Amino acid sequence: VITEYFIPLTAACGVTALSSPSLHVEIEVDLGKRCWYHSVFACPILRQQTTDSNPPMKLVCGHIISKDALNKMINGSKLKCPYCPMEQVPSDAKQIYF
């Protein structure tokens, strides 16, 4: 949920002069359910949408594939990225959240 907006301090407090005109104060604004969104990521290897049980994984090189694709590509204790020549240890891949 997007809940943060910024209001210039001058407008929020009626201050007319500041040493830094870019000074801001954070406030939370509830936008309601109509503004909720859900990011969708489809694995480019398996061409399947990721799920909680098959989340997107960021490889050391920065490329992103699904956990199932990562597991299928393991060769011994190494994994070669399908997009670049980098070999890596599968346990170094990190789950990402959109």
N, C-alpha and C. Protein backbone atom coordinates (compact mmCIF):
# COMPACT_ATOMS: atom_id res chain seq x y z
N VAL A 1 0.85 -1.17 0.00
CA VAL A 1 0.00 0.00 0.00
C VAL A 1 0.89 1.23 0.00
N ILE A 2 0.61 2.13 -0.87
CA ILE A 2 1.36 3.38 -0.90
C ILE A 2 0.75 4.29 0.16
N THR A 3 1.52 4.63 1.18
CA THR A 3 0.96 5.41 2.28
C THR A 3 1.75 6.67 2.61
N GLU A 4 2.82 6.95 1.92
CA GLU A 4 3.63 8.10 2.30
C GLU A 4 3.60 9.18 1.22
N TYR A 5 3.32 10.36 1.64
CA TYR A 5 3.39 11.53 0.79
C TYR A 5 4.22 12.57 1.52
N PHE A 6 4.73 13.52 0.83
CA PHE A 6 5.54 14.56 1.45
C PHE A 6 4.86 15.91 1.27
N ILE A 7 4.84 16.68 2.32
CA ILE A 7 4.29 18.03 2.28
C ILE A 7 5.43 18.98 2.66
N PRO A 8 5.66 20.00 1.86
CA PRO A 8 6.72 20.95 2.23
C PRO A 8 6.45 21.55 3.60
N LEU A 9 7.49 21.72 4.40
CA LEU A 9 7.36 22.26 5.74
C LEU A 9 6.73 23.64 5.72
N THR A 10 7.03 24.42 4.70
CA THR A 10 6.46 25.76 4.63
C THR A 10 4.94 25.72 4.56
N ALA A 11 4.39 24.80 3.80
CA ALA A 11 2.93 24.70 3.68
C ALA A 11 2.31 24.10 4.93
N ALA A 12 2.96 23.10 5.52
CA ALA A 12 2.41 22.42 6.68
C ALA A 12 2.41 23.29 7.93
N CYS A 13 3.43 24.13 8.08
CA CYS A 13 3.57 24.91 9.32
C CYS A 13 3.41 26.41 9.12
N GLY A 14 3.15 26.85 7.92
CA GLY A 14 3.00 28.27 7.67
C GLY A 14 4.31 29.05 7.77
N VAL A 15 5.43 28.37 7.66
CA VAL A 15 6.73 29.03 7.73
C VAL A 15 7.00 29.68 6.38
N THR A 16 7.46 30.93 6.39
CA THR A 16 7.69 31.63 5.13
C THR A 16 9.14 31.61 4.67
N ALA A 17 10.09 31.34 5.57
CA ALA A 17 11.50 31.33 5.17
C ALA A 17 12.20 30.15 5.83
N LEU A 18 12.92 29.41 5.03
CA LEU A 18 13.69 28.27 5.52
C LEU A 18 15.10 28.36 4.96
N SER A 19 16.03 27.76 5.67
CA SER A 19 17.39 27.74 5.14
C SER A 19 17.50 26.74 3.99
N SER A 20 16.63 25.73 3.98
CA SER A 20 16.64 24.74 2.90
C SER A 20 15.22 24.60 2.35
N PRO A 21 14.97 25.07 1.14
CA PRO A 21 13.61 25.00 0.60
C PRO A 21 13.14 23.58 0.32
N SER A 22 14.04 22.60 0.31
CA SER A 22 13.65 21.22 0.03
C SER A 22 13.33 20.42 1.29
N LEU A 23 13.29 21.06 2.45
CA LEU A 23 12.98 20.37 3.70
C LEU A 23 11.53 19.89 3.67
N HIS A 24 11.31 18.60 3.98
CA HIS A 24 9.98 18.02 3.93
C HIS A 24 9.66 17.29 5.22
N VAL A 25 8.38 17.12 5.49
CA VAL A 25 7.89 16.37 6.63
C VAL A 25 7.09 15.19 6.09
N GLU A 26 7.36 13.99 6.59
CA GLU A 26 6.63 12.80 6.14
C GLU A 26 5.34 12.67 6.92
N ILE A 27 4.25 12.34 6.22
CA ILE A 27 3.00 11.99 6.87
C ILE A 27 2.43 10.77 6.16
N GLU A 28 1.65 9.97 6.87
CA GLU A 28 1.01 8.80 6.26
C GLU A 28 -0.41 9.17 5.85
N VAL A 29 -0.79 8.71 4.68
CA VAL A 29 -2.13 8.94 4.16
C VAL A 29 -2.69 7.58 3.75
N ASP A 30 -3.83 7.20 4.34
CA ASP A 30 -4.47 5.94 3.97
C ASP A 30 -5.21 6.16 2.66
N LEU A 31 -4.79 5.47 1.62
CA LEU A 31 -5.40 5.64 0.30
C LEU A 31 -6.55 4.68 0.05
N GLY A 32 -6.80 3.77 0.98
CA GLY A 32 -7.89 2.82 0.81
C GLY A 32 -7.54 1.67 -0.11
N LYS A 33 -8.41 0.67 -0.12
CA LYS A 33 -8.15 -0.55 -0.90
C LYS A 33 -8.10 -0.32 -2.40
N ARG A 34 -8.75 0.71 -2.90
CA ARG A 34 -8.77 0.93 -4.35
C ARG A 34 -7.38 1.27 -4.89
N CYS A 35 -6.47 1.66 -4.02
CA CYS A 35 -5.11 2.01 -4.45
C CYS A 35 -4.11 0.89 -4.17
N TRP A 36 -4.57 -0.22 -3.66
CA TRP A 36 -3.66 -1.35 -3.45
C TRP A 36 -3.31 -1.94 -4.80
N TYR A 37 -2.14 -2.51 -4.89
CA TYR A 37 -1.76 -3.17 -6.13
C TYR A 37 -0.93 -4.40 -5.80
N HIS A 38 -0.80 -5.26 -6.74
CA HIS A 38 -0.03 -6.49 -6.57
C HIS A 38 0.89 -6.62 -7.76
N SER A 39 2.17 -6.61 -7.50
CA SER A 39 3.13 -6.77 -8.59
C SER A 39 3.15 -8.22 -9.06
N VAL A 40 3.31 -8.41 -10.33
CA VAL A 40 3.35 -9.75 -10.91
C VAL A 40 4.70 -9.91 -11.59
N PHE A 41 5.36 -11.03 -11.34
CA PHE A 41 6.62 -11.34 -12.01
C PHE A 41 6.50 -12.72 -12.61
N ALA A 42 6.78 -12.82 -13.89
CA ALA A 42 6.79 -14.12 -14.57
C ALA A 42 8.24 -14.49 -14.83
N CYS A 43 8.59 -15.71 -14.46
CA CYS A 43 9.95 -16.20 -14.66
C CYS A 43 10.23 -16.29 -16.16
N PRO A 44 11.31 -15.67 -16.62
CA PRO A 44 11.63 -15.72 -18.05
C PRO A 44 12.13 -17.09 -18.51
N ILE A 45 12.52 -17.95 -17.58
CA ILE A 45 13.01 -19.29 -17.92
C ILE A 45 11.85 -20.26 -18.05
N LEU A 46 11.03 -20.36 -17.00
CA LEU A 46 9.91 -21.31 -16.99
C LEU A 46 8.63 -20.71 -17.55
N ARG A 47 8.61 -19.41 -17.75
CA ARG A 47 7.43 -18.69 -18.25
C ARG A 47 6.20 -18.95 -17.39
N GLN A 48 6.44 -18.89 -16.08
CA GLN A 48 5.36 -19.06 -15.11
C GLN A 48 5.38 -17.88 -14.15
N GLN A 49 4.20 -17.51 -13.68
CA GLN A 49 4.11 -16.45 -12.68
C GLN A 49 4.66 -16.97 -11.37
N THR A 50 5.43 -16.14 -10.67
CA THR A 50 5.95 -16.57 -9.37
C THR A 50 4.84 -16.53 -8.33
N THR A 51 5.03 -17.32 -7.28
CA THR A 51 4.05 -17.43 -6.20
C THR A 51 4.80 -17.42 -4.88
N ASP A 52 4.06 -17.54 -3.78
CA ASP A 52 4.71 -17.62 -2.47
C ASP A 52 5.58 -18.86 -2.35
N SER A 53 5.16 -19.96 -2.98
CA SER A 53 5.95 -21.20 -2.91
C SER A 53 7.04 -21.25 -3.99
N ASN A 54 6.97 -20.38 -4.97
CA ASN A 54 7.96 -20.29 -6.04
C ASN A 54 8.30 -18.81 -6.28
N PRO A 55 8.97 -18.19 -5.29
CA PRO A 55 9.21 -16.74 -5.36
C PRO A 55 10.30 -16.35 -6.34
N PRO A 56 10.34 -15.07 -6.73
CA PRO A 56 11.44 -14.59 -7.57
C PRO A 56 12.73 -14.55 -6.75
N MET A 57 13.83 -14.94 -7.39
CA MET A 57 15.14 -14.99 -6.73
C MET A 57 16.13 -14.14 -7.52
N LYS A 58 16.87 -13.30 -6.82
CA LYS A 58 17.89 -12.47 -7.47
C LYS A 58 19.23 -13.19 -7.38
N LEU A 59 19.82 -13.43 -8.53
CA LEU A 59 21.13 -14.07 -8.58
C LEU A 59 22.21 -13.05 -8.24
N VAL A 60 23.40 -13.52 -7.94
CA VAL A 60 24.51 -12.64 -7.59
C VAL A 60 24.78 -11.62 -8.71
N CYS A 61 24.60 -12.03 -9.94
CA CYS A 61 24.85 -11.15 -11.09
C CYS A 61 23.76 -10.10 -11.28
N GLY A 62 22.64 -10.24 -10.55
CA GLY A 62 21.55 -9.27 -10.64
C GLY A 62 20.36 -9.74 -11.45
N HIS A 63 20.50 -10.83 -12.18
CA HIS A 63 19.37 -11.35 -12.95
C HIS A 63 18.38 -12.03 -12.01
N ILE A 64 17.11 -12.06 -12.42
CA ILE A 64 16.05 -12.60 -11.57
C ILE A 64 15.35 -13.74 -12.28
N ILE A 65 15.23 -14.86 -11.57
CA ILE A 65 14.51 -16.03 -12.06
C ILE A 65 13.69 -16.60 -10.91
N SER A 66 12.80 -17.54 -11.19
CA SER A 66 12.01 -18.14 -10.13
C SER A 66 12.83 -19.17 -9.36
N LYS A 67 12.38 -19.47 -8.17
CA LYS A 67 13.06 -20.47 -7.34
C LYS A 67 13.07 -21.83 -8.02
N ASP A 68 11.95 -22.20 -8.65
CA ASP A 68 11.90 -23.49 -9.36
C ASP A 68 12.92 -23.54 -10.49
N ALA A 69 13.06 -22.45 -11.24
CA ALA A 69 14.04 -22.40 -12.32
C ALA A 69 15.45 -22.52 -11.75
N LEU A 70 15.70 -21.81 -10.67
CA LEU A 70 17.01 -21.88 -10.02
C LEU A 70 17.34 -23.32 -9.64
N ASN A 71 16.38 -24.00 -9.01
CA ASN A 71 16.61 -25.39 -8.57
C ASN A 71 16.84 -26.33 -9.75
N LYS A 72 16.19 -26.09 -10.87
CA LYS A 72 16.36 -26.94 -12.05
C LYS A 72 17.70 -26.71 -12.74
N MET A 73 18.29 -25.54 -12.54
CA MET A 73 19.53 -25.20 -13.22
C MET A 73 20.79 -25.53 -12.42
N ILE A 74 20.62 -26.02 -11.20
CA ILE A 74 21.78 -26.35 -10.37
C ILE A 74 22.51 -27.54 -10.97
N ASN A 75 23.81 -27.39 -11.13
CA ASN A 75 24.66 -28.46 -11.65
C ASN A 75 25.73 -28.74 -10.60
N GLY A 76 25.51 -29.77 -9.80
CA GLY A 76 26.41 -30.04 -8.67
C GLY A 76 26.20 -28.99 -7.60
N SER A 77 27.23 -28.23 -7.31
CA SER A 77 27.11 -27.17 -6.31
C SER A 77 27.18 -25.79 -6.96
N LYS A 78 27.08 -25.74 -8.27
CA LYS A 78 27.19 -24.47 -9.01
C LYS A 78 25.93 -24.19 -9.81
N LEU A 79 25.77 -22.94 -10.15
CA LEU A 79 24.66 -22.49 -10.97
C LEU A 79 25.22 -21.48 -11.96
N LYS A 80 24.95 -21.67 -13.23
CA LYS A 80 25.36 -20.69 -14.24
C LYS A 80 24.14 -19.88 -14.63
N CYS A 81 24.29 -18.57 -14.56
CA CYS A 81 23.20 -17.68 -14.95
C CYS A 81 22.82 -17.94 -16.41
N PRO A 82 21.52 -18.01 -16.71
CA PRO A 82 21.11 -18.25 -18.10
C PRO A 82 21.29 -17.03 -19.01
N TYR A 83 21.60 -15.88 -18.44
CA TYR A 83 21.73 -14.65 -19.22
C TYR A 83 23.14 -14.10 -19.34
N CYS A 84 24.03 -14.53 -18.46
CA CYS A 84 25.41 -14.05 -18.52
C CYS A 84 26.33 -15.21 -18.13
N PRO A 85 27.62 -15.08 -18.31
CA PRO A 85 28.52 -16.20 -18.05
C PRO A 85 28.86 -16.44 -16.58
N MET A 86 28.27 -15.69 -15.67
CA MET A 86 28.65 -15.80 -14.26
C MET A 86 28.19 -17.12 -13.65
N GLU A 87 29.13 -17.83 -13.04
CA GLU A 87 28.81 -19.02 -12.24
C GLU A 87 28.75 -18.59 -10.79
N GLN A 88 27.84 -19.20 -10.06
CA GLN A 88 27.63 -18.81 -8.66
C GLN A 88 27.14 -19.98 -7.84
N VAL A 89 27.14 -19.80 -6.54
CA VAL A 89 26.64 -20.81 -5.61
C VAL A 89 25.14 -20.54 -5.43
N PRO A 90 24.29 -21.54 -5.63
CA PRO A 90 22.84 -21.31 -5.54
C PRO A 90 22.39 -20.70 -4.21
N SER A 91 23.06 -21.02 -3.12
CA SER A 91 22.66 -20.49 -1.82
C SER A 91 22.89 -18.98 -1.70
N ASP A 92 23.64 -18.39 -2.64
CA ASP A 92 23.86 -16.94 -2.64
C ASP A 92 22.68 -16.18 -3.23
N ALA A 93 21.78 -16.86 -3.91
CA ALA A 93 20.59 -16.20 -4.47
C ALA A 93 19.69 -15.74 -3.33
N LYS A 94 19.09 -14.57 -3.50
CA LYS A 94 18.23 -13.99 -2.47
C LYS A 94 16.82 -13.80 -2.99
N GLN A 95 15.85 -14.13 -2.15
CA GLN A 95 14.46 -13.88 -2.52
C GLN A 95 14.22 -12.38 -2.56
N ILE A 96 13.47 -11.94 -3.55
CA ILE A 96 13.16 -10.51 -3.63
C ILE A 96 11.65 -10.30 -3.52
N TYR A 97 11.29 -9.10 -3.15
CA TYR A 97 9.89 -8.72 -2.97
C TYR A 97 9.63 -7.47 -3.78
N PHE A 98 8.58 -7.49 -4.58
CA PHE A 98 8.22 -6.32 -5.38
C PHE A 98 7.21 -5.49 -4.63
